[in-house]
Amino acid sequence: MAHSIPGADMVATSYCAGESGEELLDETVGSLLRRAARLAPDTVALVEGVPNPAERRRWTYAELLDESERAARALLGRFSPGDRVAVWANNIPEWVILELAAALADITLVTVNPALREAELRHVLGHSRAAGVFLRREYRGNPMARTLADIRADLPDLHTSVLFEDWADFCAEASPDRALPEVDASAPAQIQYTSGTTGIPKGVILHHRGITNNARLAYVRTFGLQPGEAALNPMPLFHTAGCVLATLASIISLGTHVLPPHFEPGLMLELTESESCAVMGGVPTMLIAMLEHPALPRTDLSSLRYILSGGASVPPELVRRIEEVFGVPMAIIYAQTEASPGITITRLDDTPEDRAHTVGRPLPLTEVKIVDAAGAVVPPGTTGELCTRGYHVMTGYLDAPDATAAAIDPDGWLHTGDLASMDERGYCRIEGRLKDMIIRGGENIYPREIEQVLAEHPAVAEAAVVGVPDPVWGERVAAFIRLTPDHTAGETVDETVLEKELFAHVRAHLAPHKTPRTWVFVEGFPLTGSGKIRKNTLREEYAAGRLPR
C-alpha cells in the first residue's frame, strides 16, 4: 500500500510534514522491555553473533528483562538515579544489557567509541562528569584499561570502573529488595558525543521519548517488522544507529536482535543465513565489502526482506547493485544524532529512482524545511540548510547553552548544518554539508581536531584537513600540509619519510579512522578575503588532479 504524502500531492515550498496519523507514545526504554517480556516472554530477544554457532549466547525476553533488572539494581547499589555512567566497549551483549539496565535505573548512559585514545577519552568522561565506566580490558590493540588508569587522576567525578570480564560479579551485587524508580519519558536516556563546526566534541542529550518513538516510526513502522523476525545489527552500539534504531526497534517489534561483535563481511553473510535474518543494515562501506566477499554466491539469503543504509552518502549505483544482487528493496535513512536520530527515510514502496536518488520524505510526526541563509523557506528544488522539528529533537548539548541555542532556534527547529533540497513531493536530497565534517564509512570525522594534533608537530606550519572522494569509504581523510621553513630549506626533506612520521604522530593521539591516508605538501593555501583557507578549493584542485596524489 502506498504511503500518502501529507499536504496534498505537492508542496508549494520546501516544507513537508510527515504523516500525522500516528500516536506519539510516552514510553521509556525500560517500559519497552517490560512490555516485550510480558507479550513475548519466550521469544529470543538477543543473540550474540560470534562466528561459532555453538558459542552463541541467547536471551529470551523474559531472561533479558530479568538480567537487565538485576543489573539495574546492581547499578543503584553504586550510583543514584540521574547519575551518568559510561560504556566503552565493542558490540557485546552486556553493552545492550547495560543500556537497558541504566534506563530501568534512571541512569543516563554515556556512549564511548572503543577506538578513542587517551585525550579523547579524558574529554568525554570528564565533560560528562561520568560517575562510572564499564569497559573492555583491550579491544583491537587499544589498551583500554591501561588508558583509563593513566587518566584516572584527571577524572574526579569517576568513582567506579568495572571491566566487562567482571560483569557477572557486578550483577551479583544486586539486592533483590531494591526498588527500581519510576522513569519519566522526558528524562535523559543517553549522552552521545559528536562534534560540530568547532571540532570540540559536544554531548548530545537524548531523551527516552525521542529515541523510543524514533525507533518505532523509523524502523518498525516503515518496514513492518514482525514478531520473531531476526534483525542483523553490525552498526557500532555507541552510535544511535546501533543502540537506538536497531536495538530498540527489535524490542518494540518483539523481534530478535542478532549482534555481531564487530563488522566482518563473511560473518555478516553467515549470520544472515544461519539466523534467518529478515533485516540487515549497514553503511555503504559495509555493504560494498559484503558484495565483494567470495562467500556471497553460496550464501542463502532467502530470509532477507530488506536492507537499510545511511550514515554516509549512498551512491545511486550502489543502491541499484544491492537491490539486484540481494534481490530485496534497499531503504536510505537520513539521520543525525541530535534528532534521535531519524529525520527522513525512503519507503519500500517508493520507486527505484526515488530509493536510489533521494533520502525520502520526513518521518511521521516530524517536520522538515529547507531554508536560505536568512532563514526563509526556499522554493522546491532549491538548495539550503535542512531543518527539522518535532518530538525527536534532542534536549540540547550538555553544559553548552550557546551551542544549543545555535542549533535549536526559538521555534524549536533543529538546524542540521546539512545542505539539502526538497522536490514538490517532499522528497529530499542531501547536497553537501555546511559543517566542515568528513564522513568515512559512516564515521563522523571533524577536521579541526586532526588539524590541532598536526599543528603540534614541529615540521608543520599550517595544516588543512578535508574529505576527498573514496570509492570504498565514501570519503577519506586528506591532510594538506605547509611545512615550517626549517623543513623546506634546500632539498633535504624526504616527504615519504615525513608522511610516515606525521601518520605516526596523529595515530598516537587520535583514533585510527581519523588518521589521514592522503598527504599533500603545499607551498601555500588558497585564502578567503578574511584569511581563511578555502577548503572547497583544495578539494576541487585535488579532484581535478592539479595537486599531488
Protein backbone atom coordinates (compact mmCIF):
# COMPACT_ATOMS: atom_id res chain seq x y z
CA MET A 1 0.00 0.00 0.00
CA ALA A 2 1.45 3.36 -0.99
CA HIS A 3 2.04 5.94 1.72
CA SER A 4 0.13 9.19 1.25
CA ILE A 5 2.20 12.34 1.11
CA PRO A 6 0.94 14.95 3.57
CA GLY A 7 -0.18 18.37 2.48
CA ALA A 8 -1.95 17.18 -0.71
CA ASP A 9 0.06 15.93 -3.66
CA MET A 10 2.61 18.70 -3.96
CA VAL A 11 4.33 21.16 -1.67
CA ALA A 12 4.49 24.81 -2.68
CA THR A 13 7.65 25.47 -0.68
CA SER A 14 10.46 23.31 0.67
CA TYR A 15 8.45 22.36 3.76
CA CYS A 16 6.92 18.98 4.43
CA ALA A 17 5.34 17.40 7.49
CA GLY A 18 5.43 13.65 7.96
CA GLU A 19 2.25 11.63 8.29
CA SER A 20 0.18 12.82 11.24
CA GLY A 21 -1.98 9.76 11.85
CA GLU A 22 0.49 8.13 14.23
CA GLU A 23 0.28 8.39 18.02
CA LEU A 24 3.21 9.81 19.96
CA LEU A 25 3.79 7.42 22.86
CA ASP A 26 5.11 8.34 26.30
CA GLU A 27 7.44 5.37 26.64
CA THR A 28 10.86 4.77 28.13
CA VAL A 29 13.49 2.26 27.12
CA GLY A 30 12.63 0.27 30.25
CA SER A 31 8.89 0.23 29.55
CA LEU A 32 9.57 -1.12 26.04
CA LEU A 33 11.47 -4.05 27.54
CA ARG A 34 8.83 -4.78 30.17
CA ARG A 35 6.11 -4.76 27.51
CA ALA A 36 8.10 -7.17 25.32
CA ALA A 37 8.71 -9.56 28.24
CA ARG A 38 5.01 -9.51 29.06
CA LEU A 39 3.83 -10.14 25.49
CA ALA A 40 6.57 -12.49 24.24
CA PRO A 41 8.47 -13.93 27.24
CA ASP A 42 9.76 -16.99 25.36
CA THR A 43 10.77 -15.23 22.12
CA VAL A 44 14.51 -14.99 21.58
CA ALA A 45 15.36 -11.34 22.11
CA LEU A 46 19.15 -11.19 21.76
CA VAL A 47 21.74 -13.38 20.04
CA GLU A 48 25.48 -12.99 20.43
CA GLY A 49 26.59 -13.21 16.81
CA VAL A 50 30.01 -14.79 17.26
CA PRO A 51 31.40 -16.92 14.40
CA ASN A 52 30.87 -20.32 16.05
CA PRO A 53 27.12 -21.04 16.25
CA ALA A 54 27.68 -23.38 19.20
CA GLU A 55 29.11 -20.48 21.23
CA ARG A 56 26.28 -18.02 20.58
CA ARG A 57 24.58 -16.98 23.79
CA ARG A 58 20.85 -16.30 23.56
CA TRP A 59 18.39 -14.47 25.78
CA THR A 60 14.61 -14.70 25.65
CA TYR A 61 12.68 -11.55 26.53
CA ALA A 62 11.93 -12.95 29.97
CA GLU A 63 15.62 -13.65 30.54
CA LEU A 64 16.67 -10.28 29.13
CA LEU A 65 14.31 -8.43 31.46
CA ASP A 66 15.43 -10.49 34.44
CA GLU A 67 19.12 -9.83 33.79
CA SER A 68 18.53 -6.15 32.99
CA GLU A 69 16.56 -5.60 36.20
CA ARG A 70 19.25 -7.39 38.21
CA ALA A 71 21.91 -5.19 36.61
CA ALA A 72 19.76 -2.11 37.30
CA ARG A 73 19.62 -2.99 40.99
CA ALA A 74 23.38 -3.50 40.99
CA LEU A 75 23.81 -0.08 39.39
CA LEU A 76 21.70 1.50 42.13
CA GLY A 77 23.99 -0.06 44.69
CA ARG A 78 26.80 2.16 43.40
CA PHE A 79 25.03 5.06 41.68
CA SER A 80 21.94 7.22 42.12
CA PRO A 81 19.15 7.99 39.65
CA GLY A 82 20.29 10.86 37.46
CA ASP A 83 23.95 9.84 37.55
CA ARG A 84 25.85 9.32 34.31
CA VAL A 85 27.58 6.04 33.56
CA ALA A 86 29.77 5.47 30.51
CA VAL A 87 30.15 2.34 28.41
CA TRP A 88 33.41 1.83 26.49
CA ALA A 89 33.33 -1.42 24.56
CA ASN A 90 32.61 -3.03 21.21
CA ASN A 91 29.31 -4.75 20.39
CA ILE A 92 28.86 -7.31 23.15
CA PRO A 93 25.53 -8.42 24.69
CA GLU A 94 26.50 -6.90 28.03
CA TRP A 95 26.58 -3.49 26.32
CA VAL A 96 22.90 -3.89 25.43
CA ILE A 97 22.02 -5.19 28.89
CA LEU A 98 23.79 -2.23 30.48
CA GLU A 99 21.84 0.13 28.20
CA LEU A 100 18.58 -1.43 29.34
CA ALA A 101 19.65 -1.57 33.00
CA ALA A 102 20.66 2.07 33.05
CA ALA A 103 17.28 3.01 31.58
CA LEU A 104 15.46 0.99 34.25
CA ALA A 105 17.56 2.66 36.98
CA ASP A 106 17.02 6.19 35.62
CA ILE A 107 20.74 6.47 34.96
CA THR A 108 21.99 8.27 31.84
CA LEU A 109 24.23 6.17 29.60
CA VAL A 110 27.27 7.90 28.08
CA THR A 111 28.31 6.00 24.95
CA VAL A 112 32.02 5.93 24.08
CA ASN A 113 33.73 4.81 20.87
CA PRO A 114 36.11 1.92 21.69
CA ALA A 115 38.66 3.36 19.26
CA LEU A 116 39.20 6.54 21.31
CA ARG A 117 42.65 7.32 22.66
CA GLU A 118 43.73 9.00 25.88
CA ALA A 119 42.95 12.68 25.21
CA GLU A 120 39.62 11.86 23.56
CA LEU A 121 38.55 9.60 26.43
CA ARG A 122 39.60 12.18 29.01
CA HIS A 123 37.36 14.76 27.37
CA VAL A 124 34.28 12.51 27.12
CA LEU A 125 34.49 11.14 30.67
CA GLY A 126 35.49 14.48 32.15
CA HIS A 127 32.99 16.65 30.34
CA SER A 128 30.10 14.26 31.03
CA ARG A 129 31.16 14.00 34.68
CA ALA A 130 30.62 10.27 34.43
CA ALA A 131 30.44 8.63 37.84
CA GLY A 132 31.31 5.23 36.42
CA VAL A 133 32.54 3.44 33.33
CA PHE A 134 32.12 -0.14 32.10
CA LEU A 135 34.83 -1.21 29.69
CA ARG A 136 36.76 -3.93 27.93
CA ARG A 137 40.31 -4.54 29.08
CA GLU A 138 41.53 -4.28 25.48
CA TYR A 139 39.99 -4.12 22.04
CA ARG A 140 41.78 -4.38 18.70
CA GLY A 141 45.10 -3.26 20.11
CA ASN A 142 43.66 -0.38 22.13
CA PRO A 143 44.82 -0.89 25.76
CA MET A 144 41.60 0.46 27.25
CA ALA A 145 42.08 -0.49 30.89
CA ARG A 146 45.63 0.89 30.87
CA THR A 147 44.48 4.11 29.20
CA LEU A 148 41.78 4.60 31.82
CA ALA A 149 44.30 4.00 34.59
CA ASP A 150 46.60 6.64 33.07
CA ILE A 151 43.93 9.36 33.15
CA ARG A 152 42.01 8.32 36.28
CA ALA A 153 43.59 11.08 38.37
CA ASP A 154 42.18 13.66 35.93
CA LEU A 155 38.59 12.46 36.48
CA PRO A 156 37.45 13.49 39.96
CA ASP A 157 33.81 12.51 39.34
CA LEU A 158 34.67 8.96 38.26
CA HIS A 159 34.46 6.73 41.33
CA THR A 160 33.68 3.35 39.74
CA SER A 161 35.09 1.34 36.86
CA VAL A 162 34.05 -2.20 36.01
CA LEU A 163 35.64 -4.48 33.43
CA PHE A 164 33.09 -6.43 31.44
CA GLU A 165 35.00 -9.59 32.28
CA ASP A 166 33.73 -8.97 35.84
CA TRP A 167 30.15 -8.34 34.73
CA ALA A 168 28.69 -11.42 36.45
CA ASP A 169 30.31 -10.47 39.74
CA PHE A 170 28.98 -6.94 39.41
CA CYS A 171 25.42 -8.14 38.78
CA ALA A 172 25.70 -10.49 41.78
CA GLU A 173 25.89 -7.38 43.98
CA ALA A 174 22.23 -6.61 43.26
CA SER A 175 19.89 -6.55 46.23
CA PRO A 176 16.64 -8.28 45.21
CA ASP A 177 14.69 -5.96 47.54
CA ARG A 178 15.94 -2.77 45.93
CA ALA A 179 13.07 -0.91 44.24
CA LEU A 180 13.58 0.44 40.74
CA PRO A 181 12.46 4.05 40.18
CA GLU A 182 9.68 5.39 38.00
CA VAL A 183 11.30 6.94 34.94
CA ASP A 184 9.80 9.88 33.06
CA ALA A 185 9.76 9.75 29.26
CA SER A 186 11.30 13.23 29.14
CA ALA A 187 14.29 12.14 31.26
CA PRO A 188 17.70 11.85 29.59
CA ALA A 189 18.39 8.32 28.38
CA GLN A 190 21.77 8.81 26.72
CA ILE A 191 24.54 11.29 26.08
CA GLN A 192 26.32 10.72 22.79
CA TYR A 193 29.35 12.79 21.85
CA THR A 194 29.52 14.46 18.49
CA SER A 195 31.49 17.42 17.26
CA GLY A 196 30.16 20.43 15.47
CA THR A 197 31.79 23.12 13.42
CA THR A 198 34.14 23.84 16.33
CA GLY A 199 35.59 20.34 16.33
CA ILE A 200 35.20 20.17 20.10
CA PRO A 201 33.08 17.10 20.94
CA LYS A 202 29.71 18.08 22.41
CA GLY A 203 27.45 15.84 24.47
CA VAL A 204 24.07 15.34 22.80
CA ILE A 205 21.37 14.70 25.42
CA LEU A 206 18.73 12.30 24.08
CA HIS A 207 15.51 11.72 25.99
CA HIS A 208 13.53 8.49 26.27
CA ARG A 209 10.52 9.83 24.35
CA GLY A 210 12.67 10.81 21.41
CA ILE A 211 14.60 7.60 20.94
CA THR A 212 11.72 5.19 21.63
CA ASN A 213 9.33 6.88 19.22
CA ASN A 214 12.03 7.35 16.59
CA ALA A 215 12.92 3.66 16.58
CA ARG A 216 9.23 2.80 16.25
CA LEU A 217 8.43 5.26 13.50
CA ALA A 218 11.70 4.98 11.57
CA TYR A 219 12.19 1.22 11.55
CA VAL A 220 9.21 -0.71 12.92
CA ARG A 221 6.55 1.24 11.05
CA THR A 222 8.47 1.80 7.83
CA PHE A 223 9.46 -1.81 7.37
CA GLY A 224 6.59 -3.60 9.06
CA LEU A 225 8.85 -5.55 11.41
CA GLN A 226 7.08 -8.67 12.65
CA PRO A 227 7.30 -10.53 16.00
CA GLY A 228 10.02 -13.14 15.94
CA GLU A 229 11.83 -11.71 12.90
CA ALA A 230 15.59 -11.52 13.24
CA ALA A 231 17.45 -8.29 12.52
CA LEU A 232 21.22 -8.25 11.96
CA ASN A 233 22.90 -5.23 13.54
CA PRO A 234 26.53 -4.64 12.52
CA MET A 235 26.38 -0.93 13.45
CA PRO A 236 28.51 0.07 16.44
CA LEU A 237 26.44 0.40 19.58
CA PHE A 238 28.00 3.73 20.53
CA HIS A 239 26.11 5.18 17.52
CA THR A 240 22.39 5.92 17.57
CA ALA A 241 22.04 3.62 14.55
CA GLY A 242 23.22 0.71 16.69
CA CYS A 243 21.88 1.31 20.20
CA VAL A 244 18.72 3.26 19.32
CA LEU A 245 17.32 2.32 15.93
CA ALA A 246 18.42 -1.32 15.66
CA THR A 247 18.32 -2.25 19.35
CA LEU A 248 15.04 -0.60 20.30
CA ALA A 249 13.25 -1.49 17.06
CA SER A 250 13.83 -5.18 17.74
CA ILE A 251 12.37 -4.82 21.23
CA ILE A 252 9.37 -2.79 20.04
CA SER A 253 8.56 -5.35 17.33
CA LEU A 254 9.17 -8.35 19.64
CA GLY A 255 11.90 -9.42 17.27
CA THR A 256 15.34 -10.99 17.61
CA HIS A 257 18.41 -8.75 17.75
CA VAL A 258 21.44 -10.50 16.21
CA LEU A 259 24.55 -8.69 17.42
CA PRO A 260 27.98 -9.50 15.92
CA PRO A 261 30.97 -8.30 17.99
CA HIS A 262 32.32 -6.31 15.05
CA PHE A 263 31.81 -5.96 11.34
CA GLU A 264 33.30 -8.68 9.16
CA PRO A 265 31.61 -9.28 5.79
CA GLY A 266 31.88 -13.05 5.82
CA LEU A 267 30.39 -13.20 9.31
CA MET A 268 27.51 -10.94 8.24
CA LEU A 269 26.64 -13.28 5.41
CA GLU A 270 26.90 -16.36 7.62
CA LEU A 271 24.68 -14.80 10.31
CA THR A 272 22.09 -13.74 7.74
CA GLU A 273 21.79 -17.35 6.63
CA SER A 274 22.15 -19.23 9.93
CA GLU A 275 19.94 -16.88 11.97
CA SER A 276 17.41 -16.36 9.12
CA CYS A 277 17.70 -12.60 9.30
CA ALA A 278 14.90 -10.63 7.67
CA VAL A 279 16.55 -7.25 8.13
CA MET A 280 20.11 -6.12 7.61
CA GLY A 281 21.59 -2.65 7.81
CA GLY A 282 24.96 -1.09 7.26
CA VAL A 283 26.81 1.93 5.97
CA PRO A 284 27.86 1.75 2.30
CA THR A 285 31.38 0.56 3.13
CA MET A 286 29.95 -2.50 4.86
CA LEU A 287 27.61 -3.32 2.01
CA ILE A 288 30.38 -2.98 -0.57
CA ALA A 289 32.54 -5.41 1.44
CA MET A 290 29.69 -7.93 1.52
CA LEU A 291 29.10 -7.58 -2.21
CA GLU A 292 32.77 -8.34 -2.85
CA HIS A 293 33.04 -11.27 -0.43
CA PRO A 294 33.63 -14.67 -2.08
CA ALA A 295 31.03 -16.35 0.15
CA LEU A 296 28.16 -14.26 -1.22
CA PRO A 297 27.24 -16.50 -4.20
CA ARG A 298 26.85 -19.56 -1.98
CA THR A 299 25.01 -17.83 0.88
CA ASP A 300 21.28 -18.49 1.31
CA LEU A 301 19.70 -15.06 1.67
CA SER A 302 16.11 -16.14 1.15
CA SER A 303 15.05 -14.92 4.60
CA LEU A 304 16.08 -11.34 3.82
CA ARG A 305 13.22 -8.86 3.26
CA TYR A 306 15.05 -5.56 3.05
CA ILE A 307 18.36 -3.78 3.51
CA LEU A 308 18.82 -0.38 5.11
CA SER A 309 21.69 2.08 4.73
CA GLY A 310 22.61 5.61 5.69
CA GLY A 311 25.23 7.38 7.76
CA ALA A 312 27.15 8.36 4.63
CA SER A 313 26.38 9.32 1.08
CA VAL A 314 24.94 6.28 -0.69
CA PRO A 315 25.74 6.35 -4.41
CA PRO A 316 22.72 5.55 -6.61
CA GLU A 317 24.68 2.86 -8.43
CA LEU A 318 25.31 1.10 -5.11
CA VAL A 319 21.58 1.10 -4.31
CA ARG A 320 20.84 -0.47 -7.69
CA ARG A 321 23.60 -3.04 -7.30
CA ILE A 322 22.49 -4.02 -3.79
CA GLU A 323 18.89 -4.48 -4.90
CA GLU A 324 19.94 -6.53 -7.91
CA VAL A 325 22.38 -8.82 -6.08
CA PHE A 326 20.43 -9.29 -2.84
CA GLY A 327 17.05 -9.28 -4.53
CA VAL A 328 15.35 -7.05 -1.94
CA PRO A 329 14.48 -3.35 -1.72
CA MET A 330 17.00 -1.04 -0.10
CA ALA A 331 15.96 1.90 2.06
CA ILE A 332 18.01 5.00 2.80
CA ILE A 333 17.67 6.90 6.07
CA TYR A 334 18.89 10.43 6.70
CA ALA A 335 19.69 10.83 10.36
CA GLN A 336 21.60 12.94 12.83
CA THR A 337 22.45 12.18 16.44
CA GLU A 338 20.76 15.41 17.55
CA ALA A 339 17.48 14.13 16.04
CA SER A 340 17.33 10.80 17.92
CA PRO A 341 18.42 10.17 15.03
CA GLY A 342 15.99 9.61 12.11
CA ILE A 343 14.68 12.56 10.07
CA THR A 344 13.74 11.26 6.60
CA ILE A 345 13.60 7.82 5.04
CA THR A 346 12.74 6.12 1.77
CA ARG A 347 9.89 3.62 1.94
CA LEU A 348 9.88 0.16 0.44
CA ASP A 349 7.10 1.13 -1.98
CA ASP A 350 8.97 4.15 -3.28
CA THR A 351 10.09 3.92 -6.88
CA PRO A 352 13.57 2.54 -7.57
CA GLU A 353 14.51 6.02 -8.80
CA ASP A 354 13.47 7.66 -5.51
CA ARG A 355 15.19 4.95 -3.45
CA ALA A 356 18.41 5.48 -5.39
CA HIS A 357 18.48 9.27 -5.67
CA THR A 358 16.78 10.65 -2.54
CA VAL A 359 16.72 10.18 1.22
CA GLY A 360 12.94 10.01 1.16
CA ARG A 361 10.33 12.03 2.98
CA PRO A 362 10.06 13.13 6.61
CA LEU A 363 9.24 10.52 9.20
CA PRO A 364 5.77 10.60 10.78
CA LEU A 365 5.14 13.35 13.33
CA THR A 366 8.20 15.31 12.20
CA GLU A 367 8.60 18.44 10.09
CA VAL A 368 11.36 19.27 7.64
CA LYS A 369 12.09 22.53 5.84
CA ILE A 370 14.91 23.84 3.68
CA VAL A 371 15.95 27.42 4.41
CA ASP A 372 18.32 30.00 2.99
CA ALA A 373 20.96 31.93 4.93
CA ALA A 374 18.31 34.39 6.15
CA GLY A 375 16.12 31.58 7.48
CA ALA A 376 13.44 31.84 4.79
CA VAL A 377 11.96 28.64 3.36
CA VAL A 378 13.20 28.21 -0.20
CA PRO A 379 11.21 27.09 -3.27
CA PRO A 380 11.20 23.38 -4.19
CA GLY A 381 14.39 22.24 -5.86
CA THR A 382 16.49 24.96 -4.24
CA THR A 383 19.48 24.06 -2.06
CA GLY A 384 19.57 25.35 1.50
CA GLU A 385 20.05 24.15 5.06
CA LEU A 386 17.82 21.29 6.20
CA CYS A 387 15.99 21.95 9.47
CA THR A 388 13.70 19.61 11.39
CA ARG A 389 11.24 19.96 14.23
CA GLY A 390 9.30 17.51 16.39
CA TYR A 391 9.42 15.08 19.30
CA HIS A 392 12.77 13.74 18.10
CA VAL A 393 14.87 16.86 18.65
CA MET A 394 17.47 16.50 21.41
CA THR A 395 17.12 18.12 24.81
CA GLY A 396 20.29 20.04 23.99
CA TYR A 397 24.06 19.90 24.28
CA LEU A 398 25.36 19.14 27.76
CA ASP A 399 26.53 22.29 29.56
CA ALA A 400 26.62 24.22 26.29
CA PRO A 401 23.71 26.69 26.23
CA ASP A 402 25.20 28.81 23.47
CA ALA A 403 25.76 25.81 21.21
CA THR A 404 22.25 24.56 21.98
CA ALA A 405 20.75 27.95 21.12
CA ALA A 406 22.73 27.98 17.88
CA ALA A 407 21.42 24.52 16.94
CA ILE A 408 17.78 24.84 18.04
CA ASP A 409 16.07 28.12 17.24
CA PRO A 410 13.30 29.73 19.37
CA ASP A 411 10.61 27.99 17.29
CA GLY A 412 12.07 24.56 18.03
CA TRP A 413 13.73 23.93 14.68
CA LEU A 414 16.94 21.92 14.77
CA HIS A 415 19.41 23.32 12.23
CA THR A 416 21.28 20.29 10.95
CA GLY A 417 24.10 22.09 9.18
CA ASP A 418 23.48 19.91 6.11
CA LEU A 419 22.72 21.30 2.68
CA ALA A 420 19.71 19.72 1.02
CA SER A 421 16.93 20.26 -1.48
CA MET A 422 13.30 19.12 -1.47
CA ASP A 423 11.13 18.44 -4.51
CA GLU A 424 7.43 19.25 -4.87
CA ARG A 425 6.50 15.86 -3.38
CA GLY A 426 8.52 16.33 -0.19
CA TYR A 427 11.38 14.02 -1.18
CA CYS A 428 14.77 15.29 0.00
CA ARG A 429 18.26 15.08 -1.43
CA ILE A 430 21.40 15.80 0.58
CA GLU A 431 23.58 18.14 -1.45
CA GLY A 432 26.51 18.73 0.86
CA ARG A 433 27.38 19.95 4.34
CA LEU A 434 27.59 23.32 5.94
CA LYS A 435 29.56 21.73 8.72
CA ASP A 436 33.17 21.05 7.93
CA MET A 437 32.80 17.34 8.54
CA ILE A 438 34.11 14.21 6.85
CA ILE A 439 32.04 11.02 6.79
CA ARG A 440 34.27 7.99 6.33
CA GLY A 441 32.37 4.71 6.23
CA GLY A 442 29.62 6.18 8.40
CA GLU A 443 32.03 7.63 10.96
CA ASN A 444 31.87 11.38 11.53
CA ILE A 445 35.35 12.94 11.50
CA TYR A 446 35.97 16.54 12.39
CA PRO A 447 38.95 18.20 10.67
CA ARG A 448 39.79 20.76 13.34
CA GLU A 449 40.57 18.00 15.84
CA ILE A 450 43.10 16.49 13.42
CA GLU A 451 44.48 19.88 12.45
CA GLN A 452 45.16 20.68 16.10
CA VAL A 453 47.16 17.48 16.50
CA LEU A 454 49.12 18.14 13.32
CA ALA A 455 49.90 21.67 14.49
CA GLU A 456 51.76 20.19 17.44
CA HIS A 457 54.34 18.58 15.14
CA PRO A 458 57.48 20.69 14.69
CA ALA A 459 57.53 20.24 10.92
CA VAL A 460 54.00 21.62 10.40
CA ALA A 461 53.46 25.34 9.84
CA GLU A 462 49.83 25.01 8.74
CA ALA A 463 47.51 22.11 8.11
CA ALA A 464 44.13 21.85 6.43
CA VAL A 465 42.22 18.58 6.64
CA VAL A 466 39.41 17.80 4.19
CA GLY A 467 37.48 14.84 2.90
CA VAL A 468 38.24 13.64 -0.62
CA PRO A 469 36.20 11.04 -2.55
CA ASP A 470 36.97 7.39 -1.93
CA PRO A 471 35.27 4.52 -3.84
CA VAL A 472 35.05 2.27 -0.76
CA TRP A 473 34.77 4.56 2.26
CA GLY A 474 32.77 7.35 0.62
CA GLU A 475 35.36 9.83 1.82
CA ARG A 476 38.87 9.56 3.13
CA VAL A 477 40.84 11.98 5.25
CA ALA A 478 43.34 14.11 3.33
CA ALA A 479 45.82 16.42 5.04
CA PHE A 480 47.27 19.38 3.18
CA ILE A 481 50.49 20.46 4.87
CA ARG A 482 52.61 23.60 4.64
CA LEU A 483 55.93 22.84 6.27
CA THR A 484 57.92 25.16 8.53
CA PRO A 485 60.87 26.96 6.91
CA ASP A 486 63.32 24.68 8.73
CA HIS A 487 61.82 21.72 6.90
CA THR A 488 61.54 23.31 3.47
CA ALA A 489 65.00 24.84 3.06
CA GLY A 490 67.07 23.16 0.38
CA GLU A 491 66.28 19.68 -0.87
CA THR A 492 66.87 17.75 2.34
CA VAL A 493 63.25 16.87 3.12
CA ASP A 494 62.18 13.36 2.22
CA GLU A 495 58.39 13.69 2.01
CA THR A 496 57.89 9.92 2.11
CA VAL A 497 59.69 9.73 5.46
CA LEU A 498 57.83 12.80 6.71
CA GLU A 499 54.49 11.26 5.72
CA LYS A 500 55.22 8.23 7.87
CA GLU A 501 56.31 10.44 10.75
CA LEU A 502 53.15 12.57 10.59
CA PHE A 503 50.99 9.47 10.25
CA ALA A 504 52.53 8.02 13.41
CA HIS A 505 52.11 11.34 15.21
CA VAL A 506 48.37 11.53 14.50
CA ARG A 507 47.84 7.83 15.21
CA ALA A 508 49.43 8.25 18.64
CA HIS A 509 46.88 10.89 19.60
CA LEU A 510 43.66 10.03 17.75
CA ALA A 511 41.59 7.02 16.78
CA PRO A 512 42.81 5.15 13.67
CA HIS A 513 39.88 6.17 11.45
CA LYS A 514 40.76 9.84 11.99
CA THR A 515 44.33 9.44 10.71
CA PRO A 516 44.87 10.96 7.23
CA ARG A 517 45.57 8.47 4.46
CA THR A 518 46.32 11.10 1.83
CA TRP A 519 49.11 13.62 2.39
CA VAL A 520 49.70 16.63 0.14
CA PHE A 521 52.58 19.03 0.79
CA VAL A 522 51.90 22.56 -0.46
CA GLU A 523 53.81 25.82 -0.50
CA GLY A 524 50.74 27.86 0.40
CA PHE A 525 46.96 27.76 0.70
CA PRO A 526 44.19 29.46 -1.24
CA LEU A 527 42.69 32.02 1.14
CA THR A 528 39.48 33.98 1.51
CA GLY A 529 39.50 37.73 1.88
CA SER A 530 39.48 37.31 5.64
CA GLY A 531 42.47 34.97 5.52
CA LYS A 532 40.65 31.66 5.96
CA ILE A 533 41.78 28.62 3.98
CA ARG A 534 39.44 27.79 1.10
CA LYS A 535 38.93 24.10 1.73
CA ASN A 536 36.49 23.75 -1.15
CA THR A 537 39.22 24.95 -3.47
CA LEU A 538 41.60 22.35 -2.07
CA ARG A 539 39.04 19.62 -2.71
CA GLU A 540 38.40 20.85 -6.24
CA GLU A 541 42.09 21.18 -7.07
CA TYR A 542 42.81 17.71 -5.73
CA ALA A 543 39.86 16.17 -7.58
CA ALA A 544 40.99 17.83 -10.81
CA GLY A 545 44.46 16.34 -10.44
CA ARG A 546 46.16 19.69 -10.07
CA LEU A 547 47.68 18.73 -6.72
CA PRO A 548 49.98 15.78 -5.92
CA ARG A 549 48.25 12.50 -5.12
